[in-house]
Amino acid sequence: MPKFETQIIIRESQLDSFGHVNNADYLQIFEDARWDLIVQRGFDLAHIRKSKTGPVILECNIKYLKELRSRDMITVTVENLGREPGAHPKIYKLKQEMIKSNGEVCCEAVFTYALFDLENRKLIEPTPEWRKAVGI
């Protein structure tokens, strides 16, 4: 499945005292893009409540490459990397990037994630709806 892309404008509320995006806000921006992806593919909050399943992040490796400042227009990508060879069958990886309008990659992150059973509090095999939502 191709990379998912969404555009955002950096807001003043996302800046720290140095005048660039606060490190914690990068994670929020990435999360917002992941929600945009799954909601567009039918895995919205109503579906999560009904199915009692939802996404869970297990690990994050993030690299801050260039600063982002107020009113920068960026593209945030989401790309499913699938499972690593020998990895647990319920655990997957995805890569995200924040790209300035001039093409510079400002931040990249690799997330390890799974589908979580909200009633039994455990990881579960991807359902067909989840596979569609994340492109696996």
N, C-alpha and C. Protein backbone atom coordinates (compact mmCIF):
# COMPACT_ATOMS: atom_id res chain seq x y z
N MET A 1 0.85 -1.18 0.00
CA MET A 1 0.00 0.00 0.00
C MET A 1 0.90 1.24 0.00
N PRO A 2 0.54 2.27 -0.76
CA PRO A 2 1.39 3.47 -0.82
C PRO A 2 1.41 4.24 0.50
N LYS A 3 2.40 5.11 0.60
CA LYS A 3 2.51 5.97 1.79
C LYS A 3 1.26 6.83 1.91
N PHE A 4 0.81 6.99 3.12
CA PHE A 4 -0.26 7.93 3.43
C PHE A 4 0.38 9.27 3.70
N GLU A 5 -0.23 10.35 3.24
CA GLU A 5 0.29 11.69 3.47
C GLU A 5 -0.82 12.62 3.93
N THR A 6 -0.46 13.51 4.84
CA THR A 6 -1.37 14.57 5.27
C THR A 6 -0.54 15.84 5.48
N GLN A 7 -1.13 16.98 5.22
CA GLN A 7 -0.43 18.25 5.37
C GLN A 7 -0.91 18.98 6.61
N ILE A 8 0.03 19.62 7.30
CA ILE A 8 -0.34 20.46 8.44
C ILE A 8 0.52 21.72 8.45
N ILE A 9 0.03 22.70 9.16
CA ILE A 9 0.78 23.94 9.41
C ILE A 9 1.19 23.92 10.87
N ILE A 10 2.45 24.20 11.11
CA ILE A 10 2.94 24.26 12.49
C ILE A 10 2.32 25.48 13.18
N ARG A 11 1.73 25.25 14.33
CA ARG A 11 1.05 26.30 15.09
C ARG A 11 1.95 26.83 16.21
N GLU A 12 1.67 28.01 16.63
CA GLU A 12 2.46 28.64 17.69
C GLU A 12 2.40 27.86 19.00
N SER A 13 1.28 27.20 19.24
CA SER A 13 1.13 26.42 20.48
C SER A 13 2.06 25.20 20.51
N GLN A 14 2.64 24.85 19.39
CA GLN A 14 3.55 23.71 19.31
C GLN A 14 5.01 24.09 19.53
N LEU A 15 5.26 25.38 19.75
CA LEU A 15 6.64 25.86 19.88
C LEU A 15 7.10 25.88 21.32
N ASP A 16 8.41 25.71 21.50
CA ASP A 16 8.99 25.83 22.84
C ASP A 16 9.67 27.19 22.98
N SER A 17 10.40 27.39 24.06
CA SER A 17 11.02 28.70 24.32
C SER A 17 12.14 29.03 23.33
N PHE A 18 12.59 28.05 22.54
CA PHE A 18 13.60 28.30 21.52
C PHE A 18 13.00 28.74 20.19
N GLY A 19 11.65 28.73 20.10
CA GLY A 19 10.98 29.16 18.88
C GLY A 19 10.84 28.06 17.83
N HIS A 20 11.10 26.82 18.21
CA HIS A 20 10.86 25.71 17.28
C HIS A 20 9.98 24.66 17.98
N VAL A 21 9.56 23.67 17.20
CA VAL A 21 8.61 22.68 17.73
C VAL A 21 9.24 21.94 18.90
N ASN A 22 8.48 21.84 19.98
CA ASN A 22 8.89 21.10 21.15
C ASN A 22 8.96 19.61 20.82
N ASN A 23 9.94 18.92 21.39
CA ASN A 23 10.13 17.50 21.07
C ASN A 23 8.87 16.66 21.29
N ALA A 24 8.12 16.92 22.34
CA ALA A 24 6.92 16.15 22.61
C ALA A 24 5.84 16.39 21.55
N ASP A 25 5.83 17.57 20.97
CA ASP A 25 4.83 17.88 19.95
C ASP A 25 5.07 17.10 18.66
N TYR A 26 6.31 16.73 18.38
CA TYR A 26 6.57 15.88 17.21
C TYR A 26 5.78 14.58 17.33
N LEU A 27 5.79 14.01 18.54
CA LEU A 27 5.06 12.76 18.74
C LEU A 27 3.55 12.96 18.55
N GLN A 28 3.03 14.09 19.01
CA GLN A 28 1.61 14.37 18.83
C GLN A 28 1.26 14.54 17.36
N ILE A 29 2.12 15.22 16.62
CA ILE A 29 1.88 15.40 15.18
C ILE A 29 1.87 14.04 14.47
N PHE A 30 2.84 13.19 14.81
CA PHE A 30 2.85 11.85 14.22
C PHE A 30 1.58 11.08 14.59
N GLU A 31 1.15 11.17 15.84
CA GLU A 31 -0.06 10.47 16.25
C GLU A 31 -1.28 10.97 15.49
N ASP A 32 -1.38 12.28 15.32
CA ASP A 32 -2.51 12.85 14.58
C ASP A 32 -2.56 12.29 13.15
N ALA A 33 -1.40 12.15 12.52
CA ALA A 33 -1.36 11.60 11.16
C ALA A 33 -1.79 10.14 11.14
N ARG A 34 -1.37 9.37 12.15
CA ARG A 34 -1.81 7.97 12.21
C ARG A 34 -3.32 7.88 12.38
N TRP A 35 -3.89 8.75 13.21
CA TRP A 35 -5.35 8.78 13.36
C TRP A 35 -6.02 9.16 12.05
N ASP A 36 -5.48 10.14 11.34
CA ASP A 36 -6.05 10.51 10.04
C ASP A 36 -6.09 9.30 9.11
N LEU A 37 -5.01 8.53 9.10
CA LEU A 37 -4.93 7.34 8.25
C LEU A 37 -6.02 6.34 8.60
N ILE A 38 -6.10 5.93 9.86
CA ILE A 38 -7.04 4.85 10.19
C ILE A 38 -8.49 5.31 10.14
N VAL A 39 -8.74 6.57 10.50
CA VAL A 39 -10.12 7.07 10.43
C VAL A 39 -10.60 7.12 8.98
N GLN A 40 -9.75 7.55 8.06
CA GLN A 40 -10.13 7.58 6.65
C GLN A 40 -10.43 6.19 6.11
N ARG A 41 -9.89 5.18 6.76
CA ARG A 41 -10.09 3.80 6.30
C ARG A 41 -11.09 3.04 7.17
N GLY A 42 -11.91 3.78 7.93
CA GLY A 42 -13.03 3.19 8.64
C GLY A 42 -12.77 2.72 10.06
N PHE A 43 -11.56 2.92 10.57
CA PHE A 43 -11.24 2.46 11.92
C PHE A 43 -11.25 3.67 12.85
N ASP A 44 -12.43 4.23 13.04
CA ASP A 44 -12.57 5.43 13.86
C ASP A 44 -12.87 5.07 15.31
N LEU A 45 -13.07 6.09 16.13
CA LEU A 45 -13.32 5.87 17.55
C LEU A 45 -14.60 5.06 17.79
N ALA A 46 -15.62 5.27 16.98
CA ALA A 46 -16.84 4.48 17.12
C ALA A 46 -16.56 3.00 16.86
N HIS A 47 -15.73 2.71 15.86
CA HIS A 47 -15.38 1.32 15.57
C HIS A 47 -14.57 0.73 16.73
N ILE A 48 -13.65 1.52 17.29
CA ILE A 48 -12.84 1.06 18.41
C ILE A 48 -13.73 0.70 19.61
N ARG A 49 -14.69 1.57 19.90
CA ARG A 49 -15.59 1.32 21.03
C ARG A 49 -16.46 0.08 20.78
N LYS A 50 -16.94 -0.07 19.56
CA LYS A 50 -17.81 -1.20 19.24
C LYS A 50 -17.02 -2.52 19.24
N SER A 51 -15.85 -2.52 18.61
CA SER A 51 -15.06 -3.76 18.49
C SER A 51 -14.23 -4.06 19.74
N LYS A 52 -14.08 -3.05 20.59
CA LYS A 52 -13.26 -3.17 21.80
C LYS A 52 -11.82 -3.57 21.46
N THR A 53 -11.34 -3.03 20.32
CA THR A 53 -9.96 -3.21 19.90
C THR A 53 -9.42 -1.86 19.44
N GLY A 54 -8.12 -1.67 19.62
CA GLY A 54 -7.54 -0.41 19.19
C GLY A 54 -6.03 -0.50 19.08
N PRO A 55 -5.43 0.50 18.45
CA PRO A 55 -3.99 0.49 18.25
C PRO A 55 -3.23 0.79 19.53
N VAL A 56 -2.05 0.20 19.65
CA VAL A 56 -1.18 0.47 20.77
C VAL A 56 0.25 0.60 20.24
N ILE A 57 0.94 1.63 20.71
CA ILE A 57 2.34 1.84 20.35
C ILE A 57 3.20 1.15 21.41
N LEU A 58 4.13 0.33 20.97
CA LEU A 58 4.99 -0.43 21.87
C LEU A 58 6.40 0.15 21.98
N GLU A 59 6.81 0.87 20.93
CA GLU A 59 8.17 1.42 20.91
C GLU A 59 8.24 2.52 19.87
N CYS A 60 9.14 3.47 20.10
CA CYS A 60 9.35 4.55 19.16
C CYS A 60 10.83 4.90 19.10
N ASN A 61 11.35 5.02 17.89
CA ASN A 61 12.71 5.49 17.67
C ASN A 61 12.59 6.74 16.80
N ILE A 62 12.93 7.89 17.34
CA ILE A 62 12.71 9.15 16.64
C ILE A 62 14.03 9.88 16.41
N LYS A 63 14.14 10.49 15.23
CA LYS A 63 15.33 11.27 14.89
C LYS A 63 14.88 12.68 14.50
N TYR A 64 15.41 13.67 15.22
CA TYR A 64 15.12 15.07 14.92
C TYR A 64 16.24 15.56 14.01
N LEU A 65 15.91 15.91 12.77
CA LEU A 65 16.93 16.22 11.77
C LEU A 65 17.05 17.71 11.46
N LYS A 66 15.95 18.41 11.38
CA LYS A 66 15.91 19.86 11.10
C LYS A 66 14.81 20.47 11.95
N GLU A 67 15.01 21.69 12.38
CA GLU A 67 13.98 22.30 13.21
C GLU A 67 12.77 22.70 12.38
N LEU A 68 11.62 22.67 13.04
CA LEU A 68 10.37 23.17 12.47
C LEU A 68 9.98 24.39 13.27
N ARG A 69 9.52 25.41 12.53
CA ARG A 69 9.19 26.68 13.17
C ARG A 69 7.76 27.09 12.84
N SER A 70 7.34 28.15 13.49
CA SER A 70 5.98 28.66 13.33
C SER A 70 5.60 28.84 11.86
N ARG A 71 4.44 28.30 11.52
CA ARG A 71 3.81 28.44 10.21
C ARG A 71 4.50 27.66 9.09
N ASP A 72 5.45 26.79 9.44
CA ASP A 72 5.99 25.89 8.43
C ASP A 72 4.87 24.97 7.97
N MET A 73 4.77 24.78 6.66
CA MET A 73 3.82 23.82 6.09
C MET A 73 4.59 22.52 5.91
N ILE A 74 4.08 21.43 6.47
CA ILE A 74 4.77 20.16 6.34
C ILE A 74 3.83 19.06 5.86
N THR A 75 4.43 18.05 5.27
CA THR A 75 3.74 16.82 4.92
C THR A 75 4.17 15.77 5.93
N VAL A 76 3.22 15.09 6.51
CA VAL A 76 3.50 14.00 7.45
C VAL A 76 3.11 12.71 6.74
N THR A 77 4.07 11.79 6.67
CA THR A 77 3.81 10.53 5.99
C THR A 77 3.68 9.39 6.99
N VAL A 78 2.97 8.35 6.56
CA VAL A 78 2.86 7.11 7.32
C VAL A 78 3.08 5.98 6.31
N GLU A 79 4.05 5.12 6.60
CA GLU A 79 4.37 4.00 5.71
C GLU A 79 4.48 2.73 6.54
N ASN A 80 3.68 1.74 6.20
CA ASN A 80 3.74 0.48 6.93
C ASN A 80 4.95 -0.31 6.48
N LEU A 81 5.76 -0.76 7.42
CA LEU A 81 6.95 -1.55 7.12
C LEU A 81 6.70 -3.05 7.31
N GLY A 82 5.55 -3.41 7.80
CA GLY A 82 5.23 -4.82 8.01
C GLY A 82 5.91 -5.38 9.25
N ARG A 83 6.13 -6.69 9.23
CA ARG A 83 6.79 -7.35 10.35
C ARG A 83 8.25 -7.58 10.01
N GLU A 84 9.09 -7.50 11.01
CA GLU A 84 10.49 -7.85 10.82
C GLU A 84 10.61 -9.36 10.80
N PRO A 85 11.57 -9.90 10.03
CA PRO A 85 11.75 -11.35 10.02
C PRO A 85 11.99 -11.88 11.44
N GLY A 86 11.26 -12.91 11.79
CA GLY A 86 11.40 -13.51 13.12
C GLY A 86 10.65 -12.78 14.22
N ALA A 87 9.99 -11.69 13.89
CA ALA A 87 9.27 -10.91 14.90
C ALA A 87 7.99 -11.63 15.33
N HIS A 88 7.48 -11.22 16.46
CA HIS A 88 6.21 -11.73 16.97
C HIS A 88 5.12 -11.50 15.91
N PRO A 89 4.26 -12.48 15.65
CA PRO A 89 3.27 -12.34 14.57
C PRO A 89 2.21 -11.26 14.78
N LYS A 90 2.11 -10.72 15.98
CA LYS A 90 1.12 -9.68 16.24
C LYS A 90 1.72 -8.27 16.19
N ILE A 91 3.04 -8.17 16.00
CA ILE A 91 3.73 -6.89 16.13
C ILE A 91 4.28 -6.43 14.78
N TYR A 92 4.01 -5.17 14.46
CA TYR A 92 4.39 -4.57 13.18
C TYR A 92 5.16 -3.27 13.40
N LYS A 93 5.72 -2.76 12.30
CA LYS A 93 6.44 -1.49 12.35
C LYS A 93 5.91 -0.57 11.28
N LEU A 94 5.98 0.74 11.56
CA LEU A 94 5.68 1.73 10.55
C LEU A 94 6.67 2.87 10.68
N LYS A 95 6.88 3.53 9.55
CA LYS A 95 7.79 4.67 9.50
C LYS A 95 6.98 5.92 9.20
N GLN A 96 7.36 7.00 9.88
CA GLN A 96 6.73 8.30 9.62
C GLN A 96 7.81 9.34 9.41
N GLU A 97 7.48 10.32 8.56
CA GLU A 97 8.39 11.44 8.32
C GLU A 97 7.61 12.74 8.34
N MET A 98 8.30 13.81 8.71
CA MET A 98 7.80 15.18 8.56
C MET A 98 8.70 15.84 7.54
N ILE A 99 8.07 16.33 6.47
CA ILE A 99 8.82 16.86 5.35
C ILE A 99 8.38 18.30 5.09
N LYS A 100 9.35 19.23 5.07
CA LYS A 100 9.05 20.63 4.75
C LYS A 100 8.66 20.76 3.28
N SER A 101 8.04 21.87 2.94
CA SER A 101 7.60 22.10 1.57
C SER A 101 8.77 22.14 0.59
N ASN A 102 9.99 22.40 1.08
CA ASN A 102 11.16 22.40 0.20
C ASN A 102 11.77 21.00 0.04
N GLY A 103 11.13 19.98 0.63
CA GLY A 103 11.59 18.61 0.48
C GLY A 103 12.50 18.11 1.58
N GLU A 104 12.90 18.98 2.51
CA GLU A 104 13.78 18.55 3.60
C GLU A 104 13.01 17.69 4.60
N VAL A 105 13.59 16.54 4.93
CA VAL A 105 13.02 15.70 5.98
C VAL A 105 13.49 16.28 7.31
N CYS A 106 12.54 16.69 8.14
CA CYS A 106 12.86 17.33 9.42
C CYS A 106 12.88 16.35 10.57
N CYS A 107 12.09 15.31 10.46
CA CYS A 107 12.00 14.34 11.54
C CYS A 107 11.55 13.02 10.93
N GLU A 108 12.10 11.93 11.46
CA GLU A 108 11.64 10.61 11.05
C GLU A 108 11.56 9.74 12.29
N ALA A 109 10.63 8.82 12.26
CA ALA A 109 10.43 7.94 13.40
C ALA A 109 9.96 6.58 12.91
N VAL A 110 10.38 5.55 13.64
CA VAL A 110 9.89 4.20 13.39
C VAL A 110 9.16 3.77 14.65
N PHE A 111 7.91 3.37 14.48
CA PHE A 111 7.06 2.95 15.58
C PHE A 111 6.82 1.45 15.50
N THR A 112 6.86 0.79 16.63
CA THR A 112 6.46 -0.61 16.75
C THR A 112 5.05 -0.58 17.33
N TYR A 113 4.13 -1.30 16.70
CA TYR A 113 2.73 -1.21 17.11
C TYR A 113 2.03 -2.56 16.98
N ALA A 114 0.85 -2.63 17.56
CA ALA A 114 0.02 -3.83 17.48
C ALA A 114 -1.44 -3.43 17.69
N LEU A 115 -2.30 -4.42 17.55
CA LEU A 115 -3.71 -4.24 17.85
C LEU A 115 -3.95 -4.79 19.25
N PHE A 116 -4.72 -4.05 20.04
CA PHE A 116 -4.91 -4.34 21.46
C PHE A 116 -6.36 -4.65 21.75
N ASP A 117 -6.60 -5.73 22.45
CA ASP A 117 -7.94 -6.10 22.92
C ASP A 117 -8.20 -5.30 24.20
N LEU A 118 -9.14 -4.38 24.16
CA LEU A 118 -9.40 -3.49 25.28
C LEU A 118 -10.10 -4.17 26.45
N GLU A 119 -10.78 -5.29 26.21
CA GLU A 119 -11.43 -6.02 27.30
C GLU A 119 -10.46 -6.95 28.02
N ASN A 120 -9.72 -7.72 27.25
CA ASN A 120 -8.81 -8.72 27.83
C ASN A 120 -7.41 -8.17 28.08
N ARG A 121 -7.17 -6.91 27.66
CA ARG A 121 -5.92 -6.21 27.94
C ARG A 121 -4.70 -6.98 27.42
N LYS A 122 -4.78 -7.39 26.13
CA LYS A 122 -3.67 -8.11 25.53
C LYS A 122 -3.61 -7.84 24.03
N LEU A 123 -2.44 -8.09 23.46
CA LEU A 123 -2.27 -7.96 22.02
C LEU A 123 -3.02 -9.08 21.33
N ILE A 124 -3.59 -8.76 20.15
CA ILE A 124 -4.32 -9.76 19.39
C ILE A 124 -3.85 -9.74 17.94
N GLU A 125 -4.19 -10.81 17.22
CA GLU A 125 -3.89 -10.89 15.79
C GLU A 125 -4.64 -9.77 15.07
N PRO A 126 -4.05 -9.20 14.02
CA PRO A 126 -4.74 -8.16 13.27
C PRO A 126 -6.06 -8.68 12.67
N THR A 127 -7.10 -7.92 12.85
CA THR A 127 -8.40 -8.25 12.25
C THR A 127 -8.41 -7.75 10.81
N PRO A 128 -9.35 -8.22 9.99
CA PRO A 128 -9.44 -7.69 8.62
C PRO A 128 -9.62 -6.16 8.58
N GLU A 129 -10.42 -5.62 9.51
CA GLU A 129 -10.64 -4.17 9.54
C GLU A 129 -9.35 -3.43 9.89
N TRP A 130 -8.57 -3.99 10.81
CA TRP A 130 -7.31 -3.37 11.19
C TRP A 130 -6.29 -3.45 10.04
N ARG A 131 -6.25 -4.61 9.38
CA ARG A 131 -5.34 -4.77 8.23
C ARG A 131 -5.64 -3.72 7.16
N LYS A 132 -6.92 -3.50 6.91
CA LYS A 132 -7.31 -2.49 5.93
C LYS A 132 -6.90 -1.11 6.40
N ALA A 133 -7.10 -0.82 7.67
CA ALA A 133 -6.83 0.52 8.22
C ALA A 133 -5.36 0.89 8.11
N VAL A 134 -4.46 -0.05 8.38
CA VAL A 134 -3.03 0.26 8.38
C VAL A 134 -2.29 -0.24 7.14
N GLY A 135 -2.97 -0.95 6.29
CA GLY A 135 -2.36 -1.39 5.05
C GLY A 135 -1.43 -2.58 5.18
N ILE A 136 -1.81 -3.55 6.01
CA ILE A 136 -0.99 -4.78 6.12
C ILE A 136 -1.72 -5.96 5.52
